[in-house]
């Protein structure tokens, strides 16, 4: 039995859930991950990127010139999918001799592979409300739902969407690599020099900095009203081109994933400043789990999954309540007992636990003796 994960993002830690869940599932079942089409430069970066941890995931990559981005989008789709299907099937010859579980999320290639491979079981893992992000993806989401035997979703909002269409969906929120982020509370982990140079207290956010789902104006207003705090933003800027930012706001840009525990160690309070819209209600913020596993004090808007951390995470909704919550959190930011409570609260939410949940549903769908588990 083999699980074939048709990826819509490259297989690397920065890609989040697809990477981490595949690595955890590979402890139970043979896993092959199909990368989306890669340019030569992307492939070289992946090839020479040191692994975050030992894993047994087999990765299949198809390298196409510029990933065909030199073609207009309307001309690119069909030749890209045809090439990907043909080249992927060549690499998957041995799969035809096995029973296959097809794991899909947001890839049109998954529909083609479903037709050709005729998998024993198809699992649709809905990681976001992609239709809310881009209405042109709604039809793909419906087609993936139709071929799915099991549907996993990251938020109750997505679960309800499927229920209204007559399908049961299994709630499978995001999770965290507990051991990796525990480095943040390890005395041996040094805080990076660029972060140490920023005055404390440091109020931070790590992730995609985009106005589509992050309330950037709220962050900047908090910084403006509290010039005695430093606002530290780590991650790529997407569709945001500020003309002016407060002097106490520091944009550090993208940092390697393996350095995140060190950067988290140097932050006093971490923020989850999601807007309240269709995109965020269909999400499961990875950073919420990662901040807590790092022992950080967290202030968050009302995001999916927050109720599980009542009394652990400070909840806020506007500039005034964010400032009050940060003021309350700062005295406990590095308190050893409070840090331990945060880590203990998030400990049930490991990727290994999520993988065990998935395997239980797969076994039940196939019959308990259908999969040999290592």
Protein backbone atom coordinates (compact mmCIF):
# COMPACT_ATOMS: atom_id res chain seq x y z
CA UNK A 1 0.00 0.00 0.00
CA UNK A 2 1.32 3.44 -0.92
CA UNK A 3 0.06 6.96 -0.28
CA UNK A 4 0.57 9.26 -3.26
CA UNK A 5 0.46 12.93 -2.23
CA UNK A 6 -0.18 15.23 -5.19
CA UNK A 7 1.37 18.45 -3.95
CA UNK A 8 0.33 21.96 -4.94
CA UNK A 9 3.40 23.41 -3.21
CA UNK A 10 7.03 22.20 -3.26
CA UNK A 11 8.13 19.63 -0.70
CA UNK A 12 9.99 21.77 1.84
CA UNK A 13 9.36 22.86 5.45
CA UNK A 14 8.38 26.39 4.39
CA UNK A 15 5.39 24.91 2.54
CA UNK A 16 3.77 24.06 5.84
CA UNK A 17 1.13 21.38 6.23
CA UNK A 18 1.75 19.31 3.04
CA UNK A 19 5.39 18.81 4.01
CA UNK A 20 4.94 18.17 7.72
CA UNK A 21 1.94 15.86 7.42
CA UNK A 22 3.64 13.82 4.66
CA UNK A 23 6.71 13.33 6.86
CA UNK A 24 4.51 12.21 9.78
CA UNK A 25 2.43 9.86 7.60
CA UNK A 26 5.61 8.26 6.24
CA UNK A 27 6.16 6.75 9.69
CA UNK A 28 3.05 4.61 9.08
CA UNK A 29 2.84 4.04 5.33
CA UNK A 30 5.00 4.42 2.22
CA UNK A 31 4.59 8.01 0.97
CA UNK A 32 5.44 9.49 -2.43
CA UNK A 33 5.12 13.26 -2.85
CA UNK A 34 4.67 14.73 -6.34
CA UNK A 35 5.98 18.27 -6.51
CA UNK A 36 4.17 20.83 -8.67
CA UNK A 37 6.10 21.77 -11.84
CA UNK A 38 9.43 23.36 -10.95
CA UNK A 39 11.77 25.66 -12.78
CA UNK A 40 15.42 24.61 -12.87
CA UNK A 41 16.28 27.27 -10.27
CA UNK A 42 13.51 26.02 -7.92
CA UNK A 43 14.65 22.43 -8.35
CA UNK A 44 18.27 23.34 -7.57
CA UNK A 45 17.23 25.14 -4.38
CA UNK A 46 15.22 22.14 -3.23
CA UNK A 47 17.93 19.68 -4.20
CA UNK A 48 20.64 21.38 -2.15
CA UNK A 49 18.52 22.46 0.79
CA UNK A 50 19.66 20.48 3.87
CA UNK A 51 16.82 18.33 5.24
CA UNK A 52 15.10 19.61 8.37
CA UNK A 53 14.84 16.08 9.71
CA UNK A 54 15.31 12.52 8.54
CA UNK A 55 12.31 11.29 6.60
CA UNK A 56 11.45 8.46 4.25
CA UNK A 57 9.25 10.40 1.83
CA UNK A 58 10.00 9.70 -1.82
CA UNK A 59 9.81 12.96 -3.79
CA UNK A 60 9.08 13.17 -7.53
CA UNK A 61 9.98 16.44 -9.26
CA UNK A 62 9.27 17.49 -12.84
CA UNK A 63 11.54 20.27 -14.07
CA UNK A 64 10.17 22.38 -16.92
CA UNK A 65 11.81 25.52 -18.40
CA UNK A 66 10.64 28.35 -16.18
CA UNK A 67 7.74 26.05 -15.20
CA UNK A 68 6.34 27.26 -18.59
CA UNK A 69 5.70 30.70 -17.11
CA UNK A 70 6.94 32.24 -20.37
CA UNK A 71 3.58 31.20 -21.87
CA UNK A 72 0.42 33.26 -21.27
CA UNK A 73 -1.64 31.73 -18.47
CA UNK A 74 -4.51 30.74 -20.79
CA UNK A 75 -2.10 28.80 -23.04
CA UNK A 76 -0.06 27.29 -20.23
CA UNK A 77 -2.63 25.16 -18.42
CA UNK A 78 -3.27 22.29 -20.85
CA UNK A 79 0.33 21.66 -22.01
CA UNK A 80 1.52 21.94 -18.41
CA UNK A 81 -0.95 19.37 -17.15
CA UNK A 82 -0.30 17.03 -20.08
CA UNK A 83 3.45 17.17 -19.51
CA UNK A 84 3.06 16.73 -15.77
CA UNK A 85 0.76 13.74 -16.20
CA UNK A 86 2.99 12.01 -18.74
CA UNK A 87 6.23 12.58 -16.84
CA UNK A 88 4.68 11.71 -13.47
CA UNK A 89 3.25 8.44 -14.77
CA UNK A 90 6.68 7.50 -16.13
CA UNK A 91 8.11 7.94 -12.65
CA UNK A 92 5.20 6.05 -11.10
CA UNK A 93 5.42 2.83 -13.09
CA UNK A 94 5.91 0.79 -9.94
CA UNK A 95 2.73 2.26 -8.41
CA UNK A 96 0.57 0.24 -10.80
CA UNK A 97 1.64 -2.90 -8.94
CA UNK A 98 0.44 -1.54 -5.60
CA UNK A 99 -2.76 -0.44 -3.97
CA UNK A 100 -2.72 3.33 -3.97
CA UNK A 101 -4.19 5.94 -1.66
CA UNK A 102 -4.40 9.23 -3.55
CA UNK A 103 -3.98 12.29 -1.29
CA UNK A 104 -5.03 15.54 -2.96
CA UNK A 105 -5.49 19.17 -1.98
CA UNK A 106 -5.45 21.92 -4.61
CA UNK A 107 -4.05 20.38 -7.77
CA UNK A 108 -5.71 19.79 -11.13
CA UNK A 109 -3.15 17.07 -11.78
CA UNK A 110 -4.88 15.06 -9.04
CA UNK A 111 -8.00 14.76 -11.22
CA UNK A 112 -5.98 13.35 -14.12
CA UNK A 113 -4.08 10.92 -11.88
CA UNK A 114 -7.33 9.78 -10.32
CA UNK A 115 -8.58 8.77 -13.77
CA UNK A 116 -5.38 6.98 -14.75
CA UNK A 117 -4.35 5.27 -11.51
CA UNK A 118 -7.83 4.28 -10.25
CA UNK A 119 -6.76 4.52 -6.58
CA UNK A 120 -8.14 2.26 -3.88
CA UNK A 121 -8.99 5.33 -1.81
CA UNK A 122 -8.94 9.07 -2.50
CA UNK A 123 -8.52 11.56 0.34
CA UNK A 124 -9.19 15.26 -0.22
CA UNK A 125 -7.34 17.46 2.28
CA UNK A 126 -8.79 20.98 2.13
CA UNK A 127 -6.14 23.25 3.62
CA UNK A 128 -7.82 26.60 2.96
CA UNK A 129 -10.88 28.08 1.31
CA UNK A 130 -9.07 28.44 -2.00
CA UNK A 131 -12.31 29.48 -3.69
CA UNK A 132 -12.49 32.48 -1.35
CA UNK A 133 -8.93 33.39 -2.32
CA UNK A 134 -9.56 32.93 -6.03
CA UNK A 135 -13.13 32.30 -7.32
CA UNK A 136 -11.72 30.56 -10.41
CA UNK A 137 -10.65 27.69 -8.09
CA UNK A 138 -14.19 26.94 -6.88
CA UNK A 139 -14.86 24.46 -9.71
CA UNK A 140 -11.62 22.60 -8.91
CA UNK A 141 -12.61 22.37 -5.25
CA UNK A 142 -15.99 20.87 -6.22
CA UNK A 143 -14.38 18.36 -8.59
CA UNK A 144 -11.93 17.25 -5.90
CA UNK A 145 -14.83 16.84 -3.50
CA UNK A 146 -16.63 14.62 -6.02
CA UNK A 147 -13.73 12.18 -6.44
CA UNK A 148 -13.00 11.99 -2.69
CA UNK A 149 -13.85 9.01 -0.53
CA UNK A 150 -12.66 10.85 2.60
CA UNK A 151 -12.60 14.62 3.08
CA UNK A 152 -10.34 16.24 5.68
CA UNK A 153 -10.67 19.96 6.44
CA UNK A 154 -8.72 22.34 8.67
CA UNK A 155 -11.61 24.45 10.01
CA UNK A 156 -15.25 24.09 11.11
CA UNK A 157 -16.29 26.59 8.43
CA UNK A 158 -15.03 24.27 5.69
CA UNK A 159 -16.67 21.33 7.44
CA UNK A 160 -20.00 23.15 7.34
CA UNK A 161 -19.60 23.95 3.63
CA UNK A 162 -19.30 20.26 2.83
CA UNK A 163 -22.20 19.36 5.13
CA UNK A 164 -24.46 21.74 3.20
CA UNK A 165 -23.50 19.87 0.02
CA UNK A 166 -24.36 16.53 1.60
CA UNK A 167 -20.83 15.37 2.41
CA UNK A 168 -19.26 14.53 5.75
CA UNK A 169 -15.87 16.13 6.36
CA UNK A 170 -13.37 15.21 9.07
CA UNK A 171 -11.93 18.11 11.06
CA UNK A 172 -8.12 17.94 10.93
CA UNK A 173 -6.62 21.27 12.07
CA UNK A 174 -3.00 22.12 11.47
CA UNK A 175 -0.36 21.13 13.99
CA UNK A 176 3.28 21.62 14.94
CA UNK A 177 6.67 19.92 15.13
CA UNK A 178 7.00 20.00 18.92
CA UNK A 179 10.65 18.98 19.12
CA UNK A 180 11.76 21.52 16.52
CA UNK A 181 10.09 24.52 18.15
CA UNK A 182 11.13 23.43 21.64
CA UNK A 183 14.53 24.85 20.68
CA UNK A 184 13.07 28.27 21.46
CA UNK A 185 13.08 27.50 25.19
CA UNK A 186 16.49 25.84 25.08
CA UNK A 187 19.13 28.00 26.76
CA UNK A 188 21.67 26.84 24.18
CA UNK A 189 19.73 28.43 21.30
CA UNK A 190 21.22 31.85 20.49
CA UNK A 191 19.02 34.78 19.48
CA UNK A 192 20.10 36.01 16.00
CA UNK A 193 22.22 39.18 16.06
CA UNK A 194 19.86 41.20 13.84
CA UNK A 195 17.02 40.58 16.28
CA UNK A 196 19.17 41.21 19.37
CA UNK A 197 19.99 44.65 17.94
CA UNK A 198 16.31 45.66 18.07
CA UNK A 199 15.21 47.27 21.37
CA UNK A 200 13.00 45.22 23.70
CA UNK A 201 10.20 44.56 24.24
CA UNK A 202 9.82 42.96 20.83
CA UNK A 203 6.29 42.27 19.61
CA UNK A 204 6.44 39.98 16.62
CA UNK A 205 4.67 38.34 13.74
CA UNK A 206 6.14 35.59 11.54
CA UNK A 207 4.43 34.63 8.30
CA UNK A 208 3.11 36.00 5.04
CA UNK A 209 2.61 39.74 5.39
CA UNK A 210 -0.38 40.32 3.14
CA UNK A 211 -3.46 42.54 3.58
CA UNK A 212 -5.65 39.74 2.22
CA UNK A 213 -5.77 38.02 5.60
CA UNK A 214 -3.41 39.92 7.93
CA UNK A 215 -4.68 43.14 9.55
CA UNK A 216 -1.55 45.11 8.77
CA UNK A 217 -3.15 48.46 9.56
CA UNK A 218 -3.92 47.20 13.07
CA UNK A 219 -0.26 46.22 13.56
CA UNK A 220 1.02 49.58 12.36
CA UNK A 221 -1.44 51.47 14.56
CA UNK A 222 -0.34 49.46 17.62
CA UNK A 223 3.26 50.38 16.80
CA UNK A 224 2.33 54.05 16.35
CA UNK A 225 0.56 54.25 19.70
CA UNK A 226 3.31 52.42 21.58
CA UNK A 227 6.65 53.82 20.37
CA UNK A 228 8.29 52.17 23.40
CA UNK A 229 7.63 48.76 21.83
CA UNK A 230 9.38 47.30 18.79
CA UNK A 231 7.13 45.67 16.17
CA UNK A 232 9.09 42.96 14.34
CA UNK A 233 7.66 41.46 11.12
CA UNK A 234 9.40 38.40 9.69
CA UNK A 235 8.30 36.95 6.36
CA UNK A 236 7.61 37.86 2.74
CA UNK A 237 5.57 40.95 1.84
CA UNK A 238 2.77 40.03 -0.56
CA UNK A 239 0.56 42.69 -2.22
CA UNK A 240 1.67 45.24 0.37
CA UNK A 241 3.74 48.27 -0.56
CA UNK A 242 3.78 50.67 2.40
CA UNK A 243 4.63 54.30 1.82
CA UNK A 244 5.40 54.86 5.47
CA UNK A 245 5.87 52.68 8.54
CA UNK A 246 6.50 53.75 12.14
CA UNK A 247 10.15 54.06 13.15
CA UNK A 248 9.70 51.28 15.71
CA UNK A 249 8.50 48.81 13.04
CA UNK A 250 11.20 46.46 11.73
CA UNK A 251 10.73 44.45 8.51
CA UNK A 252 13.30 41.67 8.64
CA UNK A 253 12.11 39.88 5.51
CA UNK A 254 12.24 36.12 4.94
CA UNK A 255 14.35 33.99 7.24
CA UNK A 256 15.19 30.28 6.72
CA UNK A 257 12.68 27.94 8.33
CA UNK A 258 15.35 26.20 10.39
CA UNK A 259 16.13 29.54 12.09
CA UNK A 260 12.57 30.22 13.24
CA UNK A 261 13.00 28.81 16.78
CA UNK A 262 15.94 31.17 17.32
CA UNK A 263 13.95 34.17 16.11
CA UNK A 264 10.95 33.18 18.21
CA UNK A 265 13.20 32.98 21.27
CA UNK A 266 14.05 36.66 20.80
CA UNK A 267 10.41 37.80 20.64
CA UNK A 268 8.52 38.73 23.81
CA UNK A 269 4.93 38.55 22.54
CA UNK A 270 3.79 36.97 19.25
CA UNK A 271 0.71 38.05 17.34
CA UNK A 272 -1.90 36.29 15.19
CA UNK A 273 -3.56 39.39 13.66
CA UNK A 274 -5.91 37.69 11.20
CA UNK A 275 -8.77 39.62 9.67
CA UNK A 276 -12.30 38.23 9.99
CA UNK A 277 -13.20 37.18 6.45
CA UNK A 278 -13.96 34.08 4.39
CA UNK A 279 -10.28 33.34 3.86
CA UNK A 280 -9.36 33.35 7.55
CA UNK A 281 -12.48 31.48 8.70
CA UNK A 282 -11.48 28.70 6.32
CA UNK A 283 -7.95 28.57 7.73
CA UNK A 284 -6.09 26.96 10.62
CA UNK A 285 -3.21 29.29 11.57
CA UNK A 286 0.02 27.30 11.73
CA UNK A 287 1.68 30.12 13.63
CA UNK A 288 -0.71 29.77 16.56
CA UNK A 289 0.59 26.25 17.21
CA UNK A 290 4.21 27.14 16.46
CA UNK A 291 4.22 30.16 18.78
CA UNK A 292 2.83 28.08 21.65
CA UNK A 293 5.25 25.20 21.04
CA UNK A 294 8.01 27.81 21.29
CA UNK A 295 6.64 28.86 24.68
CA UNK A 296 5.76 32.35 23.45
CA UNK A 297 3.05 34.59 24.88
CA UNK A 298 0.40 34.96 22.15
CA UNK A 299 -2.22 37.61 21.40
CA UNK A 300 -4.67 36.65 18.67
CA UNK A 301 -7.83 37.69 16.92
CA UNK A 302 -10.71 35.21 16.98
CA UNK A 303 -9.28 32.57 14.63
CA UNK A 304 -10.48 28.96 14.18
CA UNK A 305 -9.15 26.68 16.91
CA UNK A 306 -8.55 29.45 19.43
CA UNK A 307 -11.17 28.17 21.90
CA UNK A 308 -8.91 25.20 22.70
CA UNK A 309 -6.39 27.60 24.21
CA UNK A 310 -8.74 29.60 26.43
CA UNK A 311 -6.75 30.96 29.36
CA UNK A 312 -3.48 30.42 27.48
CA UNK A 313 -3.79 32.85 24.57
CA UNK A 314 -4.90 36.47 24.95
CA UNK A 315 -7.84 37.26 22.65
CA UNK A 316 -8.22 40.73 21.08
CA UNK A 317 -10.12 42.30 18.22
CA UNK A 318 -9.12 45.92 17.73
CA UNK A 319 -6.19 48.25 18.36
CA UNK A 320 -7.20 49.12 21.94
CA UNK A 321 -7.76 45.51 23.01
CA UNK A 322 -4.50 44.42 21.35
CA UNK A 323 -2.56 47.01 23.31
CA UNK A 324 -4.22 45.97 26.58
CA UNK A 325 -3.61 42.28 25.86
CA UNK A 326 0.06 42.85 25.01
CA UNK A 327 0.47 44.87 28.22
CA UNK A 328 -1.03 41.93 30.16
CA UNK A 329 1.13 39.39 28.36
CA UNK A 330 4.51 41.08 28.65
CA UNK A 331 5.07 40.41 32.41
CA UNK A 332 4.46 36.69 31.77
CA UNK A 333 6.32 36.50 28.46
CA UNK A 334 9.37 34.66 29.85
CA UNK A 335 7.88 33.24 33.04
CA UNK A 336 8.98 29.60 33.19
CA UNK A 337 5.66 28.32 34.56
CA UNK A 338 3.65 30.22 31.94
CA UNK A 339 5.93 28.96 29.16
CA UNK A 340 5.48 25.39 30.36
CA UNK A 341 1.68 25.80 30.34
CA UNK A 342 1.78 27.00 26.73
CA UNK A 343 3.89 24.08 25.60
CA UNK A 344 1.70 21.60 27.50
CA UNK A 345 -1.46 23.12 25.99
CA UNK A 346 -0.25 22.60 22.44
CA UNK A 347 1.40 19.20 23.01
CA UNK A 348 -1.66 17.18 21.82
CA UNK A 349 -1.43 19.01 18.48
CA UNK A 350 1.65 17.37 16.99
CA UNK A 351 1.96 16.27 13.37
CA UNK A 352 2.43 12.71 14.63
CA UNK A 353 -0.96 12.93 16.37
CA UNK A 354 -2.58 14.25 13.18
CA UNK A 355 -1.01 11.41 11.18
CA UNK A 356 -2.39 8.84 13.62
CA UNK A 357 -5.86 10.37 13.21
CA UNK A 358 -5.58 10.16 9.42
CA UNK A 359 -4.39 6.54 9.55
CA UNK A 360 -7.30 5.56 11.80
CA UNK A 361 -9.81 6.93 9.28
CA UNK A 362 -7.98 5.30 6.36
CA UNK A 363 -7.92 1.93 8.10
CA UNK A 364 -11.61 2.22 8.87
CA UNK A 365 -12.40 3.09 5.24
CA UNK A 366 -10.36 0.21 3.83
CA UNK A 367 -10.86 -2.39 6.52
CA UNK A 368 -8.54 -2.58 9.51
CA UNK A 369 -6.24 -5.20 8.03
CA UNK A 370 -5.71 -3.46 4.71
CA UNK A 371 -2.59 -1.49 5.64
CA UNK A 372 0.63 -2.82 7.06
CA UNK A 373 1.86 -0.25 9.57
CA UNK A 374 5.54 -0.07 10.42
